[in-house]
């Protein structure tokens, strides 16, 4: 099982084809792939603790970087309406 290839595949073409997703990019978001890695890692950590496998293969994976977007602050149209 090559987790690095799995993550790359999910980023490039991991989205399930359905009518709602035809206009969206084919791959999953970086955040979703990182969440998937977290779930797999947790399961494999349990397997290591139960001595089913010698080590957790997710430890060596390079995950895609999260892109931090600057927050946009919405201002009220009428500042006096807050009172």
N, C-alpha and C. Protein backbone atom coordinates (compact mmCIF):
# COMPACT_ATOMS: atom_id res chain seq x y z
N UNK A 1 0.85 -1.18 0.00
CA UNK A 1 0.00 0.00 0.00
C UNK A 1 0.89 1.24 0.00
N UNK A 2 0.77 2.06 -1.01
CA UNK A 2 1.57 3.27 -1.08
C UNK A 2 0.67 4.47 -0.79
N UNK A 3 0.72 4.95 0.43
CA UNK A 3 -0.14 6.04 0.85
C UNK A 3 0.17 7.34 0.11
N UNK A 4 1.44 7.56 -0.20
CA UNK A 4 1.81 8.79 -0.89
C UNK A 4 1.12 8.86 -2.26
N UNK A 5 1.08 7.74 -2.96
CA UNK A 5 0.39 7.70 -4.26
C UNK A 5 -1.12 7.89 -4.09
N UNK A 6 -1.68 7.33 -3.02
CA UNK A 6 -3.10 7.50 -2.75
C UNK A 6 -3.43 8.97 -2.54
N UNK A 7 -2.63 9.67 -1.74
CA UNK A 7 -2.89 11.08 -1.47
C UNK A 7 -2.77 11.91 -2.74
N UNK A 8 -1.78 11.60 -3.58
CA UNK A 8 -1.62 12.31 -4.85
C UNK A 8 -2.84 12.08 -5.75
N UNK A 9 -3.31 10.84 -5.81
CA UNK A 9 -4.49 10.52 -6.62
C UNK A 9 -5.72 11.28 -6.10
N UNK A 10 -5.90 11.33 -4.80
CA UNK A 10 -7.04 12.04 -4.23
C UNK A 10 -6.99 13.53 -4.56
N UNK A 11 -5.80 14.11 -4.51
CA UNK A 11 -5.65 15.54 -4.84
C UNK A 11 -5.95 15.82 -6.31
N UNK A 12 -5.57 14.90 -7.19
CA UNK A 12 -5.72 15.13 -8.62
C UNK A 12 -7.09 14.71 -9.16
N UNK A 13 -7.61 13.58 -8.68
CA UNK A 13 -8.86 13.09 -9.27
C UNK A 13 -9.69 12.28 -8.28
N UNK A 14 -9.75 12.73 -7.06
CA UNK A 14 -10.44 11.97 -6.03
C UNK A 14 -11.92 12.24 -5.89
N UNK A 15 -12.43 13.23 -6.62
CA UNK A 15 -13.85 13.58 -6.48
C UNK A 15 -14.72 12.56 -7.21
N UNK A 16 -15.80 12.14 -6.55
CA UNK A 16 -16.75 11.20 -7.13
C UNK A 16 -17.58 11.94 -8.17
N UNK A 17 -17.75 11.32 -9.33
CA UNK A 17 -18.54 11.96 -10.39
C UNK A 17 -20.01 11.90 -10.06
N UNK A 18 -20.64 13.04 -10.00
CA UNK A 18 -22.10 13.13 -9.86
C UNK A 18 -22.53 14.45 -10.49
N UNK A 19 -23.79 14.61 -10.68
CA UNK A 19 -24.27 15.80 -11.39
C UNK A 19 -23.91 17.09 -10.66
N UNK A 20 -23.87 17.07 -9.32
CA UNK A 20 -23.55 18.27 -8.57
C UNK A 20 -22.08 18.67 -8.68
N UNK A 21 -21.19 17.70 -8.92
CA UNK A 21 -19.76 18.00 -8.90
C UNK A 21 -19.15 18.17 -10.28
N UNK A 22 -19.94 18.18 -11.32
CA UNK A 22 -19.36 18.29 -12.67
C UNK A 22 -18.68 19.63 -12.91
N UNK A 23 -19.14 20.68 -12.26
CA UNK A 23 -18.53 22.00 -12.46
C UNK A 23 -17.34 22.23 -11.54
N UNK A 24 -17.11 21.34 -10.58
CA UNK A 24 -16.02 21.50 -9.61
C UNK A 24 -14.76 20.83 -10.12
N UNK A 25 -13.60 21.18 -9.54
CA UNK A 25 -12.35 20.51 -9.93
C UNK A 25 -12.43 19.01 -9.63
N UNK A 26 -11.63 18.23 -10.33
CA UNK A 26 -11.68 16.77 -10.19
C UNK A 26 -11.10 16.26 -8.87
N UNK A 27 -10.17 17.00 -8.29
CA UNK A 27 -9.50 16.53 -7.08
C UNK A 27 -10.15 17.01 -5.80
N UNK A 28 -9.76 16.36 -4.69
CA UNK A 28 -10.23 16.77 -3.38
C UNK A 28 -9.37 17.91 -2.86
N UNK A 29 -9.86 18.63 -1.89
CA UNK A 29 -9.11 19.75 -1.33
C UNK A 29 -7.97 19.23 -0.45
N UNK A 30 -7.00 20.09 -0.23
CA UNK A 30 -5.85 19.75 0.62
C UNK A 30 -6.34 19.40 2.02
N UNK A 31 -7.28 20.16 2.56
CA UNK A 31 -7.82 19.91 3.89
C UNK A 31 -8.46 18.53 3.98
N UNK A 32 -9.21 18.14 2.96
CA UNK A 32 -9.86 16.83 2.95
C UNK A 32 -8.82 15.71 2.93
N UNK A 33 -7.80 15.85 2.11
CA UNK A 33 -6.74 14.83 2.04
C UNK A 33 -6.02 14.73 3.38
N UNK A 34 -5.77 15.86 4.01
CA UNK A 34 -5.12 15.84 5.33
C UNK A 34 -6.02 15.18 6.37
N UNK A 35 -7.33 15.40 6.28
CA UNK A 35 -8.27 14.75 7.20
C UNK A 35 -8.28 13.24 6.98
N UNK A 36 -8.23 12.81 5.72
CA UNK A 36 -8.17 11.38 5.41
C UNK A 36 -6.90 10.77 5.99
N UNK A 37 -5.78 11.47 5.85
CA UNK A 37 -4.53 11.00 6.42
C UNK A 37 -4.65 10.84 7.94
N UNK A 38 -5.31 11.78 8.59
CA UNK A 38 -5.46 11.72 10.04
C UNK A 38 -6.26 10.49 10.46
N UNK A 39 -7.32 10.19 9.72
CA UNK A 39 -8.13 9.00 10.05
C UNK A 39 -7.34 7.71 9.83
N UNK A 40 -6.62 7.63 8.71
CA UNK A 40 -5.81 6.44 8.43
C UNK A 40 -4.72 6.29 9.48
N UNK A 41 -4.09 7.40 9.84
CA UNK A 41 -3.02 7.38 10.83
C UNK A 41 -3.52 6.90 12.18
N UNK A 42 -4.70 7.36 12.59
CA UNK A 42 -5.27 6.93 13.88
C UNK A 42 -5.53 5.43 13.89
N UNK A 43 -6.09 4.93 12.79
CA UNK A 43 -6.37 3.49 12.71
C UNK A 43 -5.07 2.68 12.75
N UNK A 44 -4.05 3.16 12.02
CA UNK A 44 -2.79 2.43 12.00
C UNK A 44 -2.05 2.53 13.33
N UNK A 45 -2.22 3.63 14.06
CA UNK A 45 -1.64 3.73 15.40
C UNK A 45 -2.23 2.67 16.32
N UNK A 46 -3.53 2.43 16.20
CA UNK A 46 -4.17 1.36 16.98
C UNK A 46 -3.59 0.00 16.61
N UNK A 47 -3.35 -0.21 15.33
CA UNK A 47 -2.77 -1.47 14.88
C UNK A 47 -1.36 -1.66 15.42
N UNK A 48 -0.59 -0.58 15.51
CA UNK A 48 0.76 -0.65 16.08
C UNK A 48 0.68 -0.99 17.56
N UNK A 49 -0.25 -0.32 18.28
CA UNK A 49 -0.41 -0.59 19.72
C UNK A 49 -0.82 -2.03 19.98
N UNK A 50 -1.60 -2.61 19.09
CA UNK A 50 -2.04 -4.00 19.23
C UNK A 50 -1.04 -4.99 18.63
N UNK A 51 0.09 -4.47 18.19
CA UNK A 51 1.19 -5.26 17.61
C UNK A 51 0.76 -6.05 16.37
N UNK A 52 -0.15 -5.45 15.59
CA UNK A 52 -0.55 -6.08 14.34
C UNK A 52 0.40 -5.70 13.21
N UNK A 53 0.99 -4.51 13.31
CA UNK A 53 2.00 -4.06 12.35
C UNK A 53 3.16 -3.45 13.14
N UNK A 54 4.39 -3.49 12.59
CA UNK A 54 5.53 -2.99 13.35
C UNK A 54 5.60 -1.46 13.48
N UNK A 55 5.14 -0.75 12.45
CA UNK A 55 5.20 0.72 12.51
C UNK A 55 4.08 1.32 11.67
N UNK A 56 3.82 2.59 11.89
CA UNK A 56 2.76 3.30 11.17
C UNK A 56 3.32 3.89 9.88
N UNK A 57 2.88 3.40 8.71
CA UNK A 57 3.41 3.90 7.44
C UNK A 57 3.04 5.36 7.14
N UNK A 58 2.07 5.92 7.83
CA UNK A 58 1.72 7.33 7.57
C UNK A 58 2.78 8.29 8.10
N UNK A 59 3.65 7.81 8.99
CA UNK A 59 4.69 8.67 9.57
C UNK A 59 5.64 9.20 8.51
N UNK A 60 5.86 8.46 7.44
CA UNK A 60 6.80 8.88 6.41
C UNK A 60 6.17 9.65 5.26
N UNK A 61 4.87 9.88 5.31
CA UNK A 61 4.19 10.56 4.20
C UNK A 61 4.39 12.07 4.26
N UNK A 62 4.55 12.65 3.09
CA UNK A 62 4.63 14.10 2.97
C UNK A 62 3.24 14.58 2.57
N UNK A 63 2.65 15.39 3.43
CA UNK A 63 1.29 15.87 3.17
C UNK A 63 1.34 17.21 2.44
N UNK A 64 0.30 17.49 1.65
CA UNK A 64 0.25 18.79 0.97
C UNK A 64 0.10 19.92 2.00
N UNK A 65 0.69 21.04 1.69
CA UNK A 65 0.65 22.19 2.59
C UNK A 65 -0.71 22.86 2.53
N UNK A 66 -1.18 23.28 3.70
CA UNK A 66 -2.41 24.06 3.77
C UNK A 66 -2.14 25.47 3.32
N UNK A 67 -3.01 26.00 2.51
CA UNK A 67 -2.87 27.38 2.06
C UNK A 67 -3.71 28.26 2.97
N UNK A 68 -3.07 29.15 3.66
CA UNK A 68 -3.76 30.05 4.57
C UNK A 68 -4.28 31.24 3.77
N UNK A 69 -5.58 31.46 3.87
CA UNK A 69 -6.17 32.60 3.19
C UNK A 69 -6.45 33.68 4.22
N UNK A 70 -6.22 34.93 3.80
CA UNK A 70 -6.48 36.04 4.70
C UNK A 70 -7.99 36.18 4.90
N UNK A 71 -8.37 36.38 6.14
CA UNK A 71 -9.79 36.52 6.45
C UNK A 71 -10.31 37.85 5.93
N UNK A 72 -11.51 37.81 5.38
CA UNK A 72 -12.15 39.03 4.92
C UNK A 72 -13.19 39.43 5.96
N UNK A 73 -13.14 40.66 6.38
CA UNK A 73 -14.06 41.16 7.39
C UNK A 73 -15.17 41.92 6.70
N UNK A 74 -16.39 41.53 7.01
CA UNK A 74 -17.55 42.23 6.46
C UNK A 74 -17.94 43.36 7.40
N UNK A 75 -18.04 44.53 6.86
CA UNK A 75 -18.45 45.68 7.65
C UNK A 75 -19.95 45.90 7.46
N UNK A 76 -20.62 46.36 8.52
CA UNK A 76 -22.05 46.64 8.35
C UNK A 76 -22.25 47.82 7.40
N UNK A 77 -23.35 47.78 6.67
CA UNK A 77 -23.62 48.86 5.72
C UNK A 77 -23.84 50.18 6.44
N UNK A 78 -24.51 50.11 7.57
CA UNK A 78 -24.77 51.31 8.36
C UNK A 78 -24.20 51.10 9.75
N UNK A 79 -23.03 51.72 10.04
CA UNK A 79 -22.39 51.49 11.35
C UNK A 79 -23.27 51.92 12.52
N UNK A 80 -24.19 52.81 12.33
CA UNK A 80 -25.04 53.28 13.41
C UNK A 80 -26.10 52.25 13.78
N UNK A 81 -26.32 51.24 12.94
CA UNK A 81 -27.36 50.26 13.18
C UNK A 81 -26.95 49.23 14.22
N UNK A 82 -25.70 49.26 14.67
CA UNK A 82 -25.22 48.32 15.68
C UNK A 82 -25.69 48.72 17.08
N UNK A 83 -26.07 49.94 17.28
CA UNK A 83 -26.47 50.40 18.62
C UNK A 83 -27.86 49.97 18.99
